Amino acid sequence: MTIEQAEQQLIEEFSYFTDWMDKYNYIIELGKELPLIEPQYKTEQHLISGCQSQVWLHAEFSDGKIIFSADSDAIITKGIVNLLIKVLSNRTPEEILEAKLDFIDAIGLRAHLSPTRSNGLNSMLKQMKIYATVVKSADLHKLTQINFSA
C-alpha cells in the first residue's frame, strides 16, 4: 500500500463519523492500538519538543525503510501519532520526505485541534521528516541499519 492509499483509507474511515466527538473517540481508539515504543527509548533524547503532552518517537532504519514507534502520556496524542505512523512507518526516506499528508486536512484534524496540539502534530511530522533526512543523507551503500539512539 502506498502512502496515498494509506491516506485515502484513513479519509474513508473518518468519513463514517459526522460528529467530531465521534472522530475524537476514534482517535482515542487509535491511541489504544498504538504499537508502543520499547521502554529503553522512553528517554529525554526521544521526546519531541513542542508537544503539549510528552511524546516519545523512535525510528529504526532497516531494509531500506524507516520504522517508527511511539508513546505518549495523553491518549489523544497517542491516537494522533498512531495516524502518522500508519501513514509514514515502513516507508523509504524518499517516500516520507515526499509525502504531502493531505489526509490531515481532509479529515479535518488540524482544524479541530487546539493550537498547542496542532503545534505538537507539526513537531511530530517535523521529527519524522528529520529522521528521513538523516537516513537519506547517509551513505546507504555502507549502511544497512540505523538505530536512532545515543
C-alpha atoms as a PDB file:
ATOM      1  CA  MET A   1       0.000   0.000   0.000  1.00  0.00           C
ATOM      2  CA  THR A   2       1.349   3.426  -0.939  1.00  0.00           C
ATOM      3  CA  ILE A   3       1.283   6.479   1.301  1.00  0.00           C
ATOM      4  CA  GLU A   4      -1.537   7.912  -0.801  1.00  0.00           C
ATOM      5  CA  GLN A   5      -3.544   4.692  -0.383  1.00  0.00           C
ATOM      6  CA  ALA A   6      -2.966   4.705   3.386  1.00  0.00           C
ATOM      7  CA  GLU A   7      -4.107   8.337   3.495  1.00  0.00           C
ATOM      8  CA  GLN A   8      -7.211   7.532   1.447  1.00  0.00           C
ATOM      9  CA  GLN A   9      -8.039   4.642   3.782  1.00  0.00           C
ATOM     10  CA  LEU A  10      -7.898   6.982   6.786  1.00  0.00           C
ATOM     11  CA  ILE A  11     -10.045   9.559   4.978  1.00  0.00           C
ATOM     12  CA  GLU A  12     -12.630   6.853   4.319  1.00  0.00           C
ATOM     13  CA  GLU A  13     -12.516   5.651   7.930  1.00  0.00           C
ATOM     14  CA  PHE A  14     -13.078   9.174   9.233  1.00  0.00           C
ATOM     15  CA  SER A  15     -15.885   9.800   6.726  1.00  0.00           C
ATOM     16  CA  TYR A  16     -18.074   7.329   8.658  1.00  0.00           C
ATOM     17  CA  PHE A  17     -18.232   9.864  11.502  1.00  0.00           C
ATOM     18  CA  THR A  18     -20.171  13.080  11.048  1.00  0.00           C
ATOM     19  CA  ASP A  19     -19.731  14.400  14.569  1.00  0.00           C
ATOM     20  CA  TRP A  20     -16.317  15.496  15.822  1.00  0.00           C
ATOM     21  CA  MET A  21     -16.893  13.859  19.204  1.00  0.00           C
ATOM     22  CA  ASP A  22     -17.159  10.545  17.348  1.00  0.00           C
ATOM     23  CA  LYS A  23     -13.960  11.359  15.471  1.00  0.00           C
ATOM     24  CA  TYR A  24     -12.197  12.145  18.757  1.00  0.00           C
ATOM     25  CA  ASN A  25     -13.416   8.831  20.149  1.00  0.00           C
ATOM     26  CA  TYR A  26     -11.976   7.108  17.085  1.00  0.00           C
ATOM     27  CA  ILE A  27      -8.650   8.884  17.620  1.00  0.00           C
ATOM     28  CA  ILE A  28      -8.720   7.667  21.238  1.00  0.00           C
ATOM     29  CA  GLU A  29      -9.286   4.104  19.980  1.00  0.00           C
ATOM     30  CA  LEU A  30      -6.330   4.512  17.629  1.00  0.00           C
ATOM     31  CA  GLY A  31      -4.304   5.644  20.623  1.00  0.00           C
ATOM     32  CA  LYS A  32      -5.135   2.421  22.422  1.00  0.00           C
ATOM     33  CA  GLU A  33      -3.922   0.462  19.374  1.00  0.00           C
ATOM     34  CA  LEU A  34      -0.596   2.303  19.087  1.00  0.00           C
ATOM     35  CA  PRO A  35       2.335  -0.114  18.868  1.00  0.00           C
ATOM     36  CA  LEU A  36       4.332   1.170  21.805  1.00  0.00           C
ATOM     37  CA  ILE A  37       7.904   2.240  21.842  1.00  0.00           C
ATOM     38  CA  GLU A  38      10.325  -0.056  23.661  1.00  0.00           C
ATOM     39  CA  PRO A  39      10.900   1.141  27.256  1.00  0.00           C
ATOM     40  CA  GLN A  40      14.585   1.891  26.616  1.00  0.00           C
ATOM     41  CA  TYR A  41      13.522   4.564  24.098  1.00  0.00           C
ATOM     42  CA  LYS A  42      11.265   6.462  26.512  1.00  0.00           C
ATOM     43  CA  THR A  43      14.091   8.857  27.219  1.00  0.00           C
ATOM     44  CA  GLU A  44      14.714  12.575  27.047  1.00  0.00           C
ATOM     45  CA  GLN A  45      16.536  12.024  23.739  1.00  0.00           C
ATOM     46  CA  HIS A  46      13.374  10.645  22.129  1.00  0.00           C
ATOM     47  CA  LEU A  47      10.989  13.282  23.499  1.00  0.00           C
ATOM     48  CA  ILE A  48       9.527  15.555  20.861  1.00  0.00           C
ATOM     49  CA  SER A  49       9.801  19.190  21.818  1.00  0.00           C
ATOM     50  CA  GLY A  50       6.870  21.432  21.030  1.00  0.00           C
ATOM     51  CA  CYS A  51       4.193  18.987  22.168  1.00  0.00           C
ATOM     52  CA  GLN A  52       1.759  19.820  24.950  1.00  0.00           C
ATOM     53  CA  SER A  53       1.998  16.198  26.114  1.00  0.00           C
ATOM     54  CA  GLN A  54       5.053  14.047  26.424  1.00  0.00           C
ATOM     55  CA  VAL A  55       5.600  12.204  23.147  1.00  0.00           C
ATOM     56  CA  TRP A  56       8.445   9.791  22.573  1.00  0.00           C
ATOM     57  CA  LEU A  57       9.289   8.868  18.989  1.00  0.00           C
ATOM     58  CA  HIS A  58      11.817   6.272  17.928  1.00  0.00           C
ATOM     59  CA  ALA A  59      12.912   5.363  14.420  1.00  0.00           C
ATOM     60  CA  GLU A  60      14.919   2.497  13.040  1.00  0.00           C
ATOM     61  CA  PHE A  61      16.178   2.061   9.513  1.00  0.00           C
ATOM     62  CA  SER A  62      16.122  -1.482   8.236  1.00  0.00           C
ATOM     63  CA  ASP A  63      15.976  -2.995   4.750  1.00  0.00           C
ATOM     64  CA  GLY A  64      15.687   0.423   3.137  1.00  0.00           C
ATOM     65  CA  LYS A  65      12.727   1.546   5.229  1.00  0.00           C
ATOM     66  CA  ILE A  66      12.168   3.587   8.378  1.00  0.00           C
ATOM     67  CA  ILE A  67      10.056   2.007  11.093  1.00  0.00           C
ATOM     68  CA  PHE A  68       8.569   4.306  13.720  1.00  0.00           C
ATOM     69  CA  SER A  69       7.334   3.530  17.211  1.00  0.00           C
ATOM     70  CA  ALA A  70       5.982   5.980  19.754  1.00  0.00           C
ATOM     71  CA  ASP A  71       4.235   6.582  23.025  1.00  0.00           C
ATOM     72  CA  SER A  72       2.616   9.495  24.810  1.00  0.00           C
ATOM     73  CA  ASP A  73       1.220  10.274  28.217  1.00  0.00           C
ATOM     74  CA  ALA A  74      -2.003  11.549  26.594  1.00  0.00           C
ATOM     75  CA  ILE A  75      -4.430   9.217  24.851  1.00  0.00           C
ATOM     76  CA  ILE A  76      -5.487  11.672  22.123  1.00  0.00           C
ATOM     77  CA  THR A  77      -1.854  12.377  21.336  1.00  0.00           C
ATOM     78  CA  LYS A  78      -1.252   8.616  21.109  1.00  0.00           C
ATOM     79  CA  GLY A  79      -4.030   8.469  18.542  1.00  0.00           C
ATOM     80  CA  ILE A  80      -2.589  11.359  16.552  1.00  0.00           C
ATOM     81  CA  VAL A  81       0.892   9.861  16.460  1.00  0.00           C
ATOM     82  CA  ASN A  82      -0.623   6.500  15.501  1.00  0.00           C
ATOM     83  CA  LEU A  83      -2.272   8.172  12.496  1.00  0.00           C
ATOM     84  CA  LEU A  84       1.144   9.417  11.391  1.00  0.00           C
ATOM     85  CA  ILE A  85       2.760   6.041  11.987  1.00  0.00           C
ATOM     86  CA  LYS A  86       0.033   4.297   9.953  1.00  0.00           C
ATOM     87  CA  VAL A  87       0.934   6.516   7.002  1.00  0.00           C
ATOM     88  CA  LEU A  88       4.695   7.015   7.357  1.00  0.00           C
ATOM     89  CA  SER A  89       6.123   3.921   9.064  1.00  0.00           C
ATOM     90  CA  ASN A  90       7.774   1.207   6.993  1.00  0.00           C
ATOM     91  CA  ARG A  91       8.466   3.640   4.156  1.00  0.00           C
ATOM     92  CA  THR A  92      11.627   4.681   2.380  1.00  0.00           C
ATOM     93  CA  PRO A  93      13.179   8.005   3.371  1.00  0.00           C
ATOM     94  CA  GLU A  94      12.255   9.404  -0.046  1.00  0.00           C
ATOM     95  CA  GLU A  95       8.598   8.415   0.392  1.00  0.00           C
ATOM     96  CA  ILE A  96       8.473  10.096   3.800  1.00  0.00           C
ATOM     97  CA  LEU A  97      10.109  13.274   2.552  1.00  0.00           C
ATOM     98  CA  GLU A  98       7.822  13.494  -0.497  1.00  0.00           C
ATOM     99  CA  ALA A  99       4.603  12.747   1.420  1.00  0.00           C
ATOM    100  CA  LYS A 100       2.127  15.600   1.230  1.00  0.00           C
ATOM    101  CA  LEU A 101      -0.022  14.232   4.074  1.00  0.00           C
ATOM    102  CA  ASP A 102      -3.205  15.798   2.717  1.00  0.00           C
ATOM    103  CA  PHE A 103      -5.267  13.443   4.874  1.00  0.00           C
ATOM    104  CA  ILE A 104      -4.619  15.653   7.924  1.00  0.00           C
ATOM    105  CA  ASP A 105      -6.679  18.479   6.471  1.00  0.00           C
ATOM    106  CA  ALA A 106      -9.054  16.168   4.571  1.00  0.00           C
ATOM    107  CA  ILE A 107     -10.263  14.572   7.821  1.00  0.00           C
ATOM    108  CA  GLY A 108     -10.398  17.990   9.498  1.00  0.00           C
ATOM    109  CA  LEU A 109      -7.827  17.101  12.130  1.00  0.00           C
ATOM    110  CA  ARG A 110      -5.786  20.287  12.057  1.00  0.00           C
ATOM    111  CA  ALA A 111      -8.922  22.458  12.154  1.00  0.00           C
ATOM    112  CA  HIS A 112     -10.223  20.672  15.264  1.00  0.00           C
ATOM    113  CA  LEU A 113      -7.035  20.620  17.310  1.00  0.00           C
ATOM    114  CA  SER A 114      -6.181  23.200  19.920  1.00  0.00           C
ATOM    115  CA  PRO A 115      -3.237  25.410  18.931  1.00  0.00           C
ATOM    116  CA  THR A 116      -0.927  23.513  21.297  1.00  0.00           C
ATOM    117  CA  ARG A 117      -1.992  20.106  19.918  1.00  0.00           C
ATOM    118  CA  SER A 118      -1.600  21.454  16.379  1.00  0.00           C
ATOM    119  CA  ASN A 119       1.943  22.558  17.262  1.00  0.00           C
ATOM    120  CA  GLY A 120       2.543  19.066  18.618  1.00  0.00           C
ATOM    121  CA  LEU A 121       1.304  17.498  15.387  1.00  0.00           C
ATOM    122  CA  ASN A 122       3.672  19.718  13.420  1.00  0.00           C
ATOM    123  CA  SER A 123       6.538  18.784  15.743  1.00  0.00           C
ATOM    124  CA  MET A 124       5.849  15.060  15.281  1.00  0.00           C
ATOM    125  CA  LEU A 125       5.793  15.450  11.500  1.00  0.00           C
ATOM    126  CA  LYS A 126       8.967  17.511  11.571  1.00  0.00           C
ATOM    127  CA  GLN A 127      10.797  14.889  13.639  1.00  0.00           C
ATOM    128  CA  MET A 128       9.708  12.075  11.318  1.00  0.00           C
ATOM    129  CA  LYS A 129      10.985  14.032   8.336  1.00  0.00           C
ATOM    130  CA  ILE A 130      14.249  14.783  10.144  1.00  0.00           C
ATOM    131  CA  TYR A 131      14.805  11.059  10.638  1.00  0.00           C
ATOM    132  CA  ALA A 132      14.138  10.518   6.915  1.00  0.00           C
ATOM    133  CA  THR A 133      16.555  13.317   6.003  1.00  0.00           C
ATOM    134  CA  VAL A 134      19.306  11.800   8.162  1.00  0.00           C
ATOM    135  CA  VAL A 135      18.869   8.393   6.560  1.00  0.00           C
ATOM    136  CA  LYS A 136      18.695   9.807   3.044  1.00  0.00           C
ATOM    137  CA  SER A 137      21.875  11.821   3.534  1.00  0.00           C
ATOM    138  CA  ALA A 138      23.766   8.770   4.887  1.00  0.00           C
ATOM    139  CA  ASP A 139      25.764   6.540   2.549  1.00  0.00           C
ATOM    140  CA  LEU A 140      23.190   3.785   2.230  1.00  0.00           C
ATOM    141  CA  HIS A 141      25.545   1.503   0.318  1.00  0.00           C
ATOM    142  CA  LYS A 142      27.559   1.114   3.513  1.00  0.00           C
ATOM    143  CA  LEU A 143      24.599   1.213   5.850  1.00  0.00           C
ATOM    144  CA  THR A 144      22.019  -1.487   6.431  1.00  0.00           C
ATOM    145  CA  GLN A 145      20.570  -0.314   9.742  1.00  0.00           C
ATOM    146  CA  ILE A 146      20.350   2.807  11.841  1.00  0.00           C
ATOM    147  CA  ASN A 147      19.033   2.848  15.351  1.00  0.00           C
ATOM    148  CA  PHE A 148      18.449   6.465  16.370  1.00  0.00           C
ATOM    149  CA  SER A 149      19.786   6.102  19.907  1.00  0.00           C
ATOM    150  CA  ALA A 150      22.634   7.573  21.862  1.00  0.00           C
END
